[in-house]
Amino acid sequence: MAGVYEKSVTDFRRKWDKDEYEKIAKEKLEAEQMALLEKELKEPPVKRELLQPREYKVDLDSKLGKSQVITKTTPASQQGG
């Protein structure tokens, strides 16, 4: 009985069934690939507009070097970003 007891005490590491985890990984990979293919078939790519230049002038120089106190009542257009 001493040999059995010693083995269980010294053999404390967890044993991994590599075949089982490899099978699970393959199934997950196949499922992800199928989901990706289905998504590509369902939705055509989104066509976006090209960037356009501003139609107004941005005034950066008027507030240069100035400080402004922001409160709850300050309009959103005057708050910092």
PDB file of N, CA and C in Angstrom:
ATOM      1  N   MET A   1       0.815  -1.190   0.000  1.00  0.00           N
ATOM      2  CA  MET A   1       0.000   0.000   0.000  1.00  0.00           C
ATOM      3  C   MET A   1       0.861   1.257   0.000  1.00  0.00           C
ATOM      4  N   ALA A   2       2.081   1.154   0.476  1.00  0.00           N
ATOM      5  CA  ALA A   2       2.923   2.344   0.563  1.00  0.00           C
ATOM      6  C   ALA A   2       3.237   2.879  -0.830  1.00  0.00           C
ATOM      7  N   GLY A   3       3.417   1.967  -1.810  1.00  0.00           N
ATOM      8  CA  GLY A   3       3.733   2.417  -3.163  1.00  0.00           C
ATOM      9  C   GLY A   3       2.596   3.211  -3.793  1.00  0.00           C
ATOM     10  N   VAL A   4       1.364   2.804  -3.563  1.00  0.00           N
ATOM     11  CA  VAL A   4       0.211   3.504  -4.111  1.00  0.00           C
ATOM     12  C   VAL A   4       0.090   4.877  -3.478  1.00  0.00           C
ATOM     13  N   TYR A   5       0.306   4.960  -2.171  1.00  0.00           N
ATOM     14  CA  TYR A   5       0.190   6.207  -1.450  1.00  0.00           C
ATOM     15  C   TYR A   5       1.262   7.191  -1.921  1.00  0.00           C
ATOM     16  N   GLU A   6       2.485   6.705  -2.090  1.00  0.00           N
ATOM     17  CA  GLU A   6       3.573   7.572  -2.529  1.00  0.00           C
ATOM     18  C   GLU A   6       3.311   8.110  -3.927  1.00  0.00           C
ATOM     19  N   LYS A   7       2.766   7.304  -4.799  1.00  0.00           N
ATOM     20  CA  LYS A   7       2.514   7.755  -6.163  1.00  0.00           C
ATOM     21  C   LYS A   7       1.481   8.874  -6.183  1.00  0.00           C
ATOM     22  N   SER A   8       0.419   8.751  -5.401  1.00  0.00           N
ATOM     23  CA  SER A   8      -0.615   9.772  -5.393  1.00  0.00           C
ATOM     24  C   SER A   8      -0.102  11.068  -4.768  1.00  0.00           C
ATOM     25  N   VAL A   9       0.824  10.973  -3.824  1.00  0.00           N
ATOM     26  CA  VAL A   9       1.374  12.168  -3.196  1.00  0.00           C
ATOM     27  C   VAL A   9       2.351  12.858  -4.142  1.00  0.00           C
ATOM     28  N   THR A  10       3.191  12.083  -4.816  1.00  0.00           N
ATOM     29  CA  THR A  10       4.190  12.676  -5.690  1.00  0.00           C
ATOM     30  C   THR A  10       3.637  12.989  -7.071  1.00  0.00           C
ATOM     31  N   ASP A  11       2.545  12.384  -7.439  1.00  0.00           N
ATOM     32  CA  ASP A  11       1.949  12.612  -8.758  1.00  0.00           C
ATOM     33  C   ASP A  11       0.791  13.598  -8.616  1.00  0.00           C
ATOM     34  N   PHE A  12       1.126  14.825  -8.241  1.00  0.00           N
ATOM     35  CA  PHE A  12       0.108  15.824  -7.961  1.00  0.00           C
ATOM     36  C   PHE A  12      -0.229  16.692  -9.165  1.00  0.00           C
ATOM     37  N   ARG A  13       0.546  16.596 -10.221  1.00  0.00           N
ATOM     38  CA  ARG A  13       0.309  17.453 -11.379  1.00  0.00           C
ATOM     39  C   ARG A  13      -0.937  17.039 -12.128  1.00  0.00           C
ATOM     40  N   ARG A  14      -1.630  18.023 -12.672  1.00  0.00           N
ATOM     41  CA  ARG A  14      -2.845  17.771 -13.427  1.00  0.00           C
ATOM     42  C   ARG A  14      -2.485  17.170 -14.783  1.00  0.00           C
ATOM     43  N   LYS A  15      -3.207  16.165 -15.183  1.00  0.00           N
ATOM     44  CA  LYS A  15      -2.959  15.509 -16.471  1.00  0.00           C
ATOM     45  C   LYS A  15      -3.925  16.064 -17.511  1.00  0.00           C
ATOM     46  N   TRP A  16      -3.397  16.432 -18.647  1.00  0.00           N
ATOM     47  CA  TRP A  16      -4.203  16.990 -19.726  1.00  0.00           C
ATOM     48  C   TRP A  16      -4.378  15.942 -20.817  1.00  0.00           C
ATOM     49  N   ASP A  17      -5.596  15.790 -21.243  1.00  0.00           N
ATOM     50  CA  ASP A  17      -5.890  14.901 -22.357  1.00  0.00           C
ATOM     51  C   ASP A  17      -5.722  15.723 -23.630  1.00  0.00           C
ATOM     52  N   LYS A  18      -4.557  15.630 -24.254  1.00  0.00           N
ATOM     53  CA  LYS A  18      -4.228  16.466 -25.401  1.00  0.00           C
ATOM     54  C   LYS A  18      -5.180  16.228 -26.566  1.00  0.00           C
ATOM     55  N   ASP A  19      -5.580  14.995 -26.784  1.00  0.00           N
ATOM     56  CA  ASP A  19      -6.482  14.693 -27.890  1.00  0.00           C
ATOM     57  C   ASP A  19      -7.833  15.383 -27.703  1.00  0.00           C
ATOM     58  N   GLU A  20      -8.338  15.367 -26.484  1.00  0.00           N
ATOM     59  CA  GLU A  20      -9.633  15.990 -26.209  1.00  0.00           C
ATOM     60  C   GLU A  20      -9.565  17.503 -26.436  1.00  0.00           C
ATOM     61  N   TYR A  21      -8.526  18.163 -25.911  1.00  0.00           N
ATOM     62  CA  TYR A  21      -8.414  19.608 -26.062  1.00  0.00           C
ATOM     63  C   TYR A  21      -8.108  20.003 -27.500  1.00  0.00           C
ATOM     64  N   GLU A  22      -7.390  19.163 -28.216  1.00  0.00           N
ATOM     65  CA  GLU A  22      -7.125  19.431 -29.630  1.00  0.00           C
ATOM     66  C   GLU A  22      -8.427  19.359 -30.424  1.00  0.00           C
ATOM     67  N   LYS A  23      -9.278  18.381 -30.102  1.00  0.00           N
ATOM     68  CA  LYS A  23     -10.575  18.249 -30.761  1.00  0.00           C
ATOM     69  C   LYS A  23     -11.450  19.474 -30.477  1.00  0.00           C
ATOM     70  N   ILE A  24     -11.462  19.925 -29.234  1.00  0.00           N
ATOM     71  CA  ILE A  24     -12.249  21.110 -28.862  1.00  0.00           C
ATOM     72  C   ILE A  24     -11.734  22.339 -29.604  1.00  0.00           C
ATOM     73  N   ALA A  25     -10.429  22.496 -29.708  1.00  0.00           N
ATOM     74  CA  ALA A  25      -9.838  23.642 -30.401  1.00  0.00           C
ATOM     75  C   ALA A  25     -10.186  23.621 -31.883  1.00  0.00           C
ATOM     76  N   LYS A  26     -10.148  22.451 -32.507  1.00  0.00           N
ATOM     77  CA  LYS A  26     -10.507  22.347 -33.923  1.00  0.00           C
ATOM     78  C   LYS A  26     -11.969  22.697 -34.144  1.00  0.00           C
ATOM     79  N   GLU A  27     -12.863  22.213 -33.258  1.00  0.00           N
ATOM     80  CA  GLU A  27     -14.280  22.526 -33.386  1.00  0.00           C
ATOM     81  C   GLU A  27     -14.521  24.024 -33.244  1.00  0.00           C
ATOM     82  N   LYS A  28     -13.842  24.652 -32.307  1.00  0.00           N
ATOM     83  CA  LYS A  28     -13.999  26.092 -32.094  1.00  0.00           C
ATOM     84  C   LYS A  28     -13.501  26.857 -33.310  1.00  0.00           C
ATOM     85  N   LEU A  29     -12.369  26.451 -33.861  1.00  0.00           N
ATOM     86  CA  LEU A  29     -11.808  27.111 -35.034  1.00  0.00           C
ATOM     87  C   LEU A  29     -12.743  26.970 -36.232  1.00  0.00           C
ATOM     88  N   GLU A  30     -13.285  25.778 -36.442  1.00  0.00           N
ATOM     89  CA  GLU A  30     -14.221  25.568 -37.544  1.00  0.00           C
ATOM     90  C   GLU A  30     -15.478  26.401 -37.370  1.00  0.00           C
ATOM     91  N   ALA A  31     -15.981  26.511 -36.144  1.00  0.00           N
ATOM     92  CA  ALA A  31     -17.173  27.312 -35.879  1.00  0.00           C
ATOM     93  C   ALA A  31     -16.911  28.784 -36.163  1.00  0.00           C
ATOM     94  N   GLU A  32     -15.739  29.285 -35.770  1.00  0.00           N
ATOM     95  CA  GLU A  32     -15.383  30.678 -36.037  1.00  0.00           C
ATOM     96  C   GLU A  32     -15.269  30.937 -37.534  1.00  0.00           C
ATOM     97  N   GLN A  33     -14.677  29.996 -38.272  1.00  0.00           N
ATOM     98  CA  GLN A  33     -14.535  30.160 -39.710  1.00  0.00           C
ATOM     99  C   GLN A  33     -15.894  30.148 -40.407  1.00  0.00           C
ATOM    100  N   MET A  34     -16.786  29.272 -39.950  1.00  0.00           N
ATOM    101  CA  MET A  34     -18.131  29.217 -40.536  1.00  0.00           C
ATOM    102  C   MET A  34     -18.893  30.512 -40.247  1.00  0.00           C
ATOM    103  N   ALA A  35     -18.771  31.030 -39.046  1.00  0.00           N
ATOM    104  CA  ALA A  35     -19.445  32.283 -38.683  1.00  0.00           C
ATOM    105  C   ALA A  35     -18.915  33.430 -39.534  1.00  0.00           C
ATOM    106  N   LEU A  36     -17.614  33.458 -39.773  1.00  0.00           N
ATOM    107  CA  LEU A  36     -17.013  34.500 -40.583  1.00  0.00           C
ATOM    108  C   LEU A  36     -17.497  34.400 -42.030  1.00  0.00           C
ATOM    109  N   LEU A  37     -17.565  33.194 -42.574  1.00  0.00           N
ATOM    110  CA  LEU A  37     -18.054  33.012 -43.935  1.00  0.00           C
ATOM    111  C   LEU A  37     -19.516  33.429 -44.061  1.00  0.00           C
ATOM    112  N   GLU A  38     -20.332  33.062 -43.074  1.00  0.00           N
ATOM    113  CA  GLU A  38     -21.746  33.444 -43.109  1.00  0.00           C
ATOM    114  C   GLU A  38     -21.902  34.956 -43.052  1.00  0.00           C
ATOM    115  N   LYS A  39     -21.089  35.607 -42.247  1.00  0.00           N
ATOM    116  CA  LYS A  39     -21.158  37.063 -42.132  1.00  0.00           C
ATOM    117  C   LYS A  39     -20.772  37.721 -43.458  1.00  0.00           C
ATOM    118  N   GLU A  40     -19.730  37.201 -44.093  1.00  0.00           N
ATOM    119  CA  GLU A  40     -19.290  37.758 -45.371  1.00  0.00           C
ATOM    120  C   GLU A  40     -20.360  37.573 -46.445  1.00  0.00           C
ATOM    121  N   LEU A  41     -21.062  36.452 -46.415  1.00  0.00           N
ATOM    122  CA  LEU A  41     -22.088  36.203 -47.417  1.00  0.00           C
ATOM    123  C   LEU A  41     -23.340  37.044 -47.173  1.00  0.00           C
ATOM    124  N   LYS A  42     -23.657  37.328 -45.937  1.00  0.00           N
ATOM    125  CA  LYS A  42     -24.868  38.072 -45.617  1.00  0.00           C
ATOM    126  C   LYS A  42     -24.732  39.560 -45.899  1.00  0.00           C
ATOM    127  N   GLU A  43     -23.674  40.174 -45.415  1.00  0.00           N
ATOM    128  CA  GLU A  43     -23.542  41.622 -45.459  1.00  0.00           C
ATOM    129  C   GLU A  43     -22.516  42.060 -46.502  1.00  0.00           C
ATOM    130  N   PRO A  44     -22.953  42.899 -47.439  1.00  0.00           N
ATOM    131  CA  PRO A  44     -21.955  43.473 -48.339  1.00  0.00           C
ATOM    132  C   PRO A  44     -21.143  44.525 -47.575  1.00  0.00           C
ATOM    133  N   PRO A  45     -19.939  44.800 -48.001  1.00  0.00           N
ATOM    134  CA  PRO A  45     -19.126  45.785 -47.282  1.00  0.00           C
ATOM    135  C   PRO A  45     -19.774  47.174 -47.334  1.00  0.00           C
ATOM    136  N   VAL A  46     -19.580  47.935 -46.280  1.00  0.00           N
ATOM    137  CA  VAL A  46     -20.169  49.267 -46.183  1.00  0.00           C
ATOM    138  C   VAL A  46     -19.361  50.221 -47.043  1.00  0.00           C
ATOM    139  N   LYS A  47     -20.057  50.957 -47.903  1.00  0.00           N
ATOM    140  CA  LYS A  47     -19.399  51.940 -48.761  1.00  0.00           C
ATOM    141  C   LYS A  47     -19.480  53.289 -48.071  1.00  0.00           C
ATOM    142  N   ARG A  48     -18.345  53.857 -47.730  1.00  0.00           N
ATOM    143  CA  ARG A  48     -18.302  55.132 -47.026  1.00  0.00           C
ATOM    144  C   ARG A  48     -17.913  56.248 -47.984  1.00  0.00           C
ATOM    145  N   GLU A  49     -18.322  57.445 -47.611  1.00  0.00           N
ATOM    146  CA  GLU A  49     -17.966  58.610 -48.420  1.00  0.00           C
ATOM    147  C   GLU A  49     -16.502  58.973 -48.179  1.00  0.00           C
ATOM    148  N   LEU A  50     -15.914  59.606 -49.155  1.00  0.00           N
ATOM    149  CA  LEU A  50     -14.552  60.082 -49.005  1.00  0.00           C
ATOM    150  C   LEU A  50     -14.539  61.298 -48.086  1.00  0.00           C
ATOM    151  N   LEU A  51     -13.387  61.587 -47.501  1.00  0.00           N
ATOM    152  CA  LEU A  51     -13.270  62.749 -46.630  1.00  0.00           C
ATOM    153  C   LEU A  51     -13.485  64.027 -47.424  1.00  0.00           C
ATOM    154  N   GLN A  52     -14.162  64.979 -46.813  1.00  0.00           N
ATOM    155  CA  GLN A  52     -14.459  66.254 -47.458  1.00  0.00           C
ATOM    156  C   GLN A  52     -13.776  67.379 -46.686  1.00  0.00           C
ATOM    157  N   PRO A  53     -13.339  68.425 -47.371  1.00  0.00           N
ATOM    158  CA  PRO A  53     -12.755  69.566 -46.646  1.00  0.00           C
ATOM    159  C   PRO A  53     -13.843  70.331 -45.887  1.00  0.00           C
ATOM    160  N   ARG A  54     -13.447  71.031 -44.820  1.00  0.00           N
ATOM    161  CA  ARG A  54     -14.400  71.835 -44.058  1.00  0.00           C
ATOM    162  C   ARG A  54     -14.956  72.950 -44.924  1.00  0.00           C
ATOM    163  N   GLU A  55     -16.190  73.311 -44.643  1.00  0.00           N
ATOM    164  CA  GLU A  55     -16.821  74.415 -45.365  1.00  0.00           C
ATOM    165  C   GLU A  55     -16.789  75.692 -44.536  1.00  0.00           C
ATOM    166  N   TYR A  56     -16.058  75.678 -43.417  1.00  0.00           N
ATOM    167  CA  TYR A  56     -15.958  76.844 -42.550  1.00  0.00           C
ATOM    168  C   TYR A  56     -14.524  76.949 -42.051  1.00  0.00           C
ATOM    169  N   LYS A  57     -14.179  78.162 -41.570  1.00  0.00           N
ATOM    170  CA  LYS A  57     -12.824  78.388 -41.074  1.00  0.00           C
ATOM    171  C   LYS A  57     -12.804  78.117 -39.570  1.00  0.00           C
ATOM    172  N   VAL A  58     -11.811  77.385 -39.121  1.00  0.00           N
ATOM    173  CA  VAL A  58     -11.655  77.091 -37.712  1.00  0.00           C
ATOM    174  C   VAL A  58     -10.825  78.201 -37.083  1.00  0.00           C
ATOM    175  N   ASP A  59     -11.389  78.844 -36.024  1.00  0.00           N
ATOM    176  CA  ASP A  59     -10.713  79.957 -35.374  1.00  0.00           C
ATOM    177  C   ASP A  59      -9.900  79.439 -34.198  1.00  0.00           C
ATOM    178  N   LEU A  60      -8.616  79.230 -34.403  1.00  0.00           N
ATOM    179  CA  LEU A  60      -7.738  78.727 -33.353  1.00  0.00           C
ATOM    180  C   LEU A  60      -6.977  79.853 -32.652  1.00  0.00           C
ATOM    181  N   ASP A  61      -6.750  80.963 -33.344  1.00  0.00           N
ATOM    182  CA  ASP A  61      -5.908  82.032 -32.814  1.00  0.00           C
ATOM    183  C   ASP A  61      -6.615  82.900 -31.780  1.00  0.00           C
ATOM    184  N   SER A  62      -7.933  83.015 -31.801  1.00  0.00           N
ATOM    185  CA  SER A  62      -8.621  83.942 -30.903  1.00  0.00           C
ATOM    186  C   SER A  62      -8.543  83.513 -29.443  1.00  0.00           C
ATOM    187  N   LYS A  63      -8.461  82.228 -29.145  1.00  0.00           N
ATOM    188  CA  LYS A  63      -8.424  81.755 -27.760  1.00  0.00           C
ATOM    189  C   LYS A  63      -7.037  81.268 -27.338  1.00  0.00           C
ATOM    190  N   LEU A  64      -6.041  81.513 -28.157  1.00  0.00           N
ATOM    191  CA  LEU A  64      -4.689  81.063 -27.856  1.00  0.00           C
ATOM    192  C   LEU A  64      -4.137  81.792 -26.637  1.00  0.00           C
ATOM    193  N   GLY A  65      -3.663  81.053 -25.642  1.00  0.00           N
ATOM    194  CA  GLY A  65      -3.057  81.642 -24.448  1.00  0.00           C
ATOM    195  C   GLY A  65      -4.059  82.111 -23.414  1.00  0.00           C
ATOM    196  N   LYS A  66      -5.328  81.861 -23.589  1.00  0.00           N
ATOM    197  CA  LYS A  66      -6.357  82.301 -22.648  1.00  0.00           C
ATOM    198  C   LYS A  66      -6.871  81.107 -21.855  1.00  0.00           C
ATOM    199  N   SER A  67      -7.348  81.397 -20.636  1.00  0.00           N
ATOM    200  CA  SER A  67      -7.944  80.371 -19.786  1.00  0.00           C
ATOM    201  C   SER A  67      -9.436  80.625 -19.682  1.00  0.00           C
ATOM    202  N   GLN A  68     -10.212  79.559 -19.517  1.00  0.00           N
ATOM    203  CA  GLN A  68     -11.652  79.697 -19.396  1.00  0.00           C
ATOM    204  C   GLN A  68     -12.136  78.706 -18.336  1.00  0.00           C
ATOM    205  N   VAL A  69     -13.013  79.172 -17.454  1.00  0.00           N
ATOM    206  CA  VAL A  69     -13.574  78.321 -16.413  1.00  0.00           C
ATOM    207  C   VAL A  69     -14.796  77.618 -16.992  1.00  0.00           C
ATOM    208  N   ILE A  70     -14.834  76.298 -16.843  1.00  0.00           N
ATOM    209  CA  ILE A  70     -15.944  75.497 -17.350  1.00  0.00           C
ATOM    210  C   ILE A  70     -16.830  75.124 -16.166  1.00  0.00           C
ATOM    211  N   THR A  71     -18.119  75.450 -16.264  1.00  0.00           N
ATOM    212  CA  THR A  71     -19.085  75.109 -15.225  1.00  0.00           C
ATOM    213  C   THR A  71     -20.169  74.228 -15.830  1.00  0.00           C
ATOM    214  N   LYS A  72     -21.170  73.891 -15.014  1.00  0.00           N
ATOM    215  CA  LYS A  72     -22.281  73.076 -15.507  1.00  0.00           C
ATOM    216  C   LYS A  72     -23.107  73.816 -16.551  1.00  0.00           C
ATOM    217  N   THR A  73     -23.131  75.138 -16.481  1.00  0.00           N
ATOM    218  CA  THR A  73     -23.976  75.922 -17.390  1.00  0.00           C
ATOM    219  C   THR A  73     -23.238  76.342 -18.657  1.00  0.00           C
ATOM    220  N   THR A  74     -21.975  76.018 -18.787  1.00  0.00           N
ATOM    221  CA  THR A  74     -21.222  76.349 -19.989  1.00  0.00           C
ATOM    222  C   THR A  74     -21.752  75.554 -21.173  1.00  0.00           C
ATOM    223  N   PRO A  75     -22.060  76.230 -22.290  1.00  0.00           N
ATOM    224  CA  PRO A  75     -22.570  75.496 -23.459  1.00  0.00           C
ATOM    225  C   PRO A  75     -21.551  74.447 -23.956  1.00  0.00           C
ATOM    226  N   ALA A  76     -22.051  73.392 -24.550  1.00  0.00           N
ATOM    227  CA  ALA A  76     -21.192  72.305 -25.019  1.00  0.00           C
ATOM    228  C   ALA A  76     -20.232  72.785 -26.094  1.00  0.00           C
ATOM    229  N   SER A  77     -20.636  73.791 -26.870  1.00  0.00           N
ATOM    230  CA  SER A  77     -19.767  74.274 -27.946  1.00  0.00           C
ATOM    231  C   SER A  77     -18.533  75.002 -27.410  1.00  0.00           C
ATOM    232  N   GLN A  78     -18.578  75.454 -26.149  1.00  0.00           N
ATOM    233  CA  GLN A  78     -17.448  76.188 -25.568  1.00  0.00           C
ATOM    234  C   GLN A  78     -16.622  75.325 -24.613  1.00  0.00           C
ATOM    235  N   GLN A  79     -17.035  74.083 -24.394  1.00  0.00           N
ATOM    236  CA  GLN A  79     -16.303  73.218 -23.487  1.00  0.00           C
ATOM    237  C   GLN A  79     -15.133  72.573 -24.204  1.00  0.00           C
ATOM    238  N   GLY A  80     -14.171  72.140 -23.407  1.00  0.00           N
ATOM    239  CA  GLY A  80     -13.006  71.465 -23.961  1.00  0.00           C
ATOM    240  C   GLY A  80     -13.344  70.061 -24.398  1.00  0.00           C
ATOM    241  N   GLY A  81     -12.427  69.455 -25.134  1.00  0.00           N
ATOM    242  CA  GLY A  81     -12.712  68.130 -25.669  1.00  0.00           C
ATOM    243  C   GLY A  81     -12.012  67.038 -25.011  1.00  0.00           C
TER     244      GLY A  81
END
